[in-house]
Amino acid sequence: MAKNKVEVKSLSDADLQTHLAEEKALITRLKFNHKVSQIENPMQIRNIRRNIARYMTEINQRANKA
């Protein structure tokens, strides 16, 4: 679910919150699985962390504009 800057900016506020919650749940699950046993692609964790940062940045920028 890699999102680039343009795709994130086009999402509504509710969609941003939904995607953020999904990504946070996913990273928690992946980190746990990675601790228990090696996951197939550990780069997923970094990509999800970056997606979370993109969503949070957009949410904060919208909040600062208001």
N, C-alpha and C. Protein backbone atom coordinates (compact mmCIF):
# COMPACT_ATOMS: atom_id res chain seq x y z
N MET A 1 0.83 -1.18 0.00
CA MET A 1 0.00 0.00 0.00
C MET A 1 0.88 1.26 0.00
N ALA A 2 1.89 1.25 -0.83
CA ALA A 2 2.80 2.39 -0.90
C ALA A 2 2.07 3.58 -1.51
N LYS A 3 2.14 4.68 -0.83
CA LYS A 3 1.50 5.90 -1.30
C LYS A 3 2.58 6.94 -1.54
N ASN A 4 2.45 7.66 -2.64
CA ASN A 4 3.38 8.75 -2.85
C ASN A 4 2.73 10.05 -2.37
N LYS A 5 3.47 11.12 -2.46
CA LYS A 5 3.04 12.40 -1.92
C LYS A 5 1.73 12.89 -2.54
N VAL A 6 1.59 12.72 -3.84
CA VAL A 6 0.39 13.20 -4.55
C VAL A 6 -0.83 12.40 -4.12
N GLU A 7 -0.69 11.09 -3.99
CA GLU A 7 -1.81 10.25 -3.59
C GLU A 7 -2.26 10.58 -2.17
N VAL A 8 -1.32 10.85 -1.28
CA VAL A 8 -1.66 11.17 0.11
C VAL A 8 -2.40 12.50 0.17
N LYS A 9 -1.96 13.48 -0.59
CA LYS A 9 -2.61 14.80 -0.58
C LYS A 9 -4.04 14.74 -1.11
N SER A 10 -4.33 13.77 -1.97
CA SER A 10 -5.67 13.69 -2.56
C SER A 10 -6.68 12.98 -1.65
N LEU A 11 -6.21 12.36 -0.57
CA LEU A 11 -7.11 11.65 0.34
C LEU A 11 -7.88 12.63 1.22
N SER A 12 -9.07 12.24 1.61
CA SER A 12 -9.85 13.06 2.53
C SER A 12 -9.33 12.86 3.95
N ASP A 13 -9.77 13.68 4.87
CA ASP A 13 -9.33 13.58 6.26
C ASP A 13 -9.70 12.23 6.86
N ALA A 14 -10.91 11.78 6.59
CA ALA A 14 -11.35 10.49 7.13
C ALA A 14 -10.52 9.34 6.55
N ASP A 15 -10.22 9.42 5.25
CA ASP A 15 -9.40 8.39 4.63
C ASP A 15 -7.99 8.37 5.21
N LEU A 16 -7.45 9.55 5.47
CA LEU A 16 -6.11 9.62 6.08
C LEU A 16 -6.10 8.92 7.43
N GLN A 17 -7.11 9.21 8.24
CA GLN A 17 -7.18 8.60 9.57
C GLN A 17 -7.34 7.08 9.46
N THR A 18 -8.15 6.63 8.51
CA THR A 18 -8.36 5.20 8.32
C THR A 18 -7.07 4.50 7.89
N HIS A 19 -6.41 5.08 6.89
CA HIS A 19 -5.15 4.49 6.42
C HIS A 19 -4.09 4.50 7.51
N LEU A 20 -4.05 5.56 8.29
CA LEU A 20 -3.08 5.67 9.38
C LEU A 20 -3.31 4.56 10.41
N ALA A 21 -4.54 4.35 10.78
CA ALA A 21 -4.86 3.29 11.75
C ALA A 21 -4.50 1.91 11.21
N GLU A 22 -4.80 1.68 9.92
CA GLU A 22 -4.47 0.40 9.30
C GLU A 22 -2.97 0.16 9.28
N GLU A 23 -2.21 1.19 8.91
CA GLU A 23 -0.76 1.05 8.83
C GLU A 23 -0.15 0.83 10.22
N LYS A 24 -0.67 1.52 11.23
CA LYS A 24 -0.16 1.33 12.59
C LYS A 24 -0.42 -0.09 13.09
N ALA A 25 -1.59 -0.62 12.78
CA ALA A 25 -1.90 -1.99 13.19
C ALA A 25 -1.00 -2.97 12.44
N LEU A 26 -0.77 -2.71 11.17
CA LEU A 26 0.07 -3.58 10.35
C LEU A 26 1.51 -3.58 10.84
N ILE A 27 2.05 -2.41 11.17
CA ILE A 27 3.45 -2.37 11.61
C ILE A 27 3.61 -3.04 12.97
N THR A 28 2.61 -2.92 13.82
CA THR A 28 2.67 -3.60 15.11
C THR A 28 2.71 -5.12 14.91
N ARG A 29 1.86 -5.60 14.04
CA ARG A 29 1.81 -7.04 13.76
C ARG A 29 3.11 -7.52 13.11
N LEU A 30 3.64 -6.74 12.16
CA LEU A 30 4.89 -7.13 11.50
C LEU A 30 6.07 -7.13 12.46
N LYS A 31 6.14 -6.13 13.32
CA LYS A 31 7.24 -6.07 14.30
C LYS A 31 7.19 -7.26 15.24
N PHE A 32 6.00 -7.62 15.67
CA PHE A 32 5.86 -8.78 16.56
C PHE A 32 6.30 -10.06 15.83
N ASN A 33 5.82 -10.23 14.60
CA ASN A 33 6.20 -11.42 13.83
C ASN A 33 7.69 -11.46 13.57
N HIS A 34 8.31 -10.30 13.38
CA HIS A 34 9.74 -10.24 13.12
C HIS A 34 10.54 -10.60 14.38
N LYS A 35 10.02 -10.26 15.54
CA LYS A 35 10.68 -10.63 16.80
C LYS A 35 10.60 -12.13 17.03
N VAL A 36 9.45 -12.72 16.73
CA VAL A 36 9.24 -14.15 16.96
C VAL A 36 10.05 -14.98 15.96
N SER A 37 9.89 -14.68 14.70
CA SER A 37 10.65 -15.39 13.66
C SER A 37 10.90 -14.41 12.51
N GLN A 38 11.92 -14.68 11.76
CA GLN A 38 12.29 -13.79 10.67
C GLN A 38 11.16 -13.67 9.66
N ILE A 39 10.78 -12.43 9.30
CA ILE A 39 9.76 -12.26 8.27
C ILE A 39 10.43 -12.31 6.90
N GLU A 40 9.62 -12.57 5.90
CA GLU A 40 10.15 -12.78 4.55
C GLU A 40 10.83 -11.52 4.01
N ASN A 41 10.21 -10.36 4.20
CA ASN A 41 10.76 -9.12 3.66
C ASN A 41 10.81 -8.07 4.76
N PRO A 42 11.94 -7.93 5.46
CA PRO A 42 12.02 -6.95 6.54
C PRO A 42 11.94 -5.49 6.08
N MET A 43 12.10 -5.26 4.78
CA MET A 43 12.00 -3.90 4.26
C MET A 43 10.56 -3.38 4.34
N GLN A 44 9.60 -4.29 4.51
CA GLN A 44 8.20 -3.87 4.67
C GLN A 44 8.06 -2.95 5.88
N ILE A 45 8.78 -3.24 6.93
CA ILE A 45 8.68 -2.44 8.15
C ILE A 45 9.08 -1.00 7.86
N ARG A 46 10.18 -0.81 7.14
CA ARG A 46 10.63 0.53 6.82
C ARG A 46 9.63 1.25 5.92
N ASN A 47 9.11 0.55 4.91
CA ASN A 47 8.15 1.17 4.01
C ASN A 47 6.87 1.58 4.73
N ILE A 48 6.40 0.75 5.64
CA ILE A 48 5.19 1.08 6.39
C ILE A 48 5.46 2.26 7.32
N ARG A 49 6.63 2.27 7.94
CA ARG A 49 6.98 3.39 8.81
C ARG A 49 7.01 4.70 8.03
N ARG A 50 7.49 4.65 6.81
CA ARG A 50 7.52 5.85 5.97
C ARG A 50 6.11 6.27 5.55
N ASN A 51 5.25 5.30 5.27
CA ASN A 51 3.86 5.63 4.95
C ASN A 51 3.18 6.30 6.13
N ILE A 52 3.43 5.80 7.33
CA ILE A 52 2.86 6.41 8.54
C ILE A 52 3.34 7.85 8.65
N ALA A 53 4.61 8.08 8.38
CA ALA A 53 5.15 9.44 8.44
C ALA A 53 4.48 10.34 7.40
N ARG A 54 4.23 9.81 6.21
CA ARG A 54 3.55 10.60 5.17
C ARG A 54 2.15 11.00 5.63
N TYR A 55 1.42 10.03 6.18
CA TYR A 55 0.06 10.32 6.65
C TYR A 55 0.09 11.34 7.79
N MET A 56 0.99 11.16 8.74
CA MET A 56 1.06 12.07 9.88
C MET A 56 1.45 13.48 9.42
N THR A 57 2.37 13.57 8.48
CA THR A 57 2.79 14.88 7.96
C THR A 57 1.61 15.59 7.31
N GLU A 58 0.86 14.89 6.50
CA GLU A 58 -0.28 15.50 5.82
C GLU A 58 -1.35 15.91 6.84
N ILE A 59 -1.61 15.08 7.83
CA ILE A 59 -2.59 15.41 8.86
C ILE A 59 -2.16 16.66 9.62
N ASN A 60 -0.87 16.73 9.99
CA ASN A 60 -0.38 17.90 10.73
C ASN A 60 -0.39 19.15 9.89
N GLN A 61 -0.05 19.04 8.60
CA GLN A 61 -0.09 20.22 7.73
C GLN A 61 -1.52 20.74 7.58
N ARG A 62 -2.48 19.84 7.44
CA ARG A 62 -3.87 20.27 7.35
C ARG A 62 -4.35 20.90 8.65
N ALA A 63 -3.91 20.38 9.77
CA ALA A 63 -4.31 20.94 11.06
C ALA A 63 -3.71 22.33 11.26
N ASN A 64 -2.49 22.54 10.79
CA ASN A 64 -1.84 23.84 10.95
C ASN A 64 -2.45 24.90 10.03
N LYS A 65 -3.00 24.48 8.90
CA LYS A 65 -3.66 25.43 7.99
C LYS A 65 -4.97 25.92 8.56
N ALA A 66 -5.63 25.08 9.32
CA ALA A 66 -6.96 25.43 9.84
C ALA A 66 -6.88 26.37 11.01
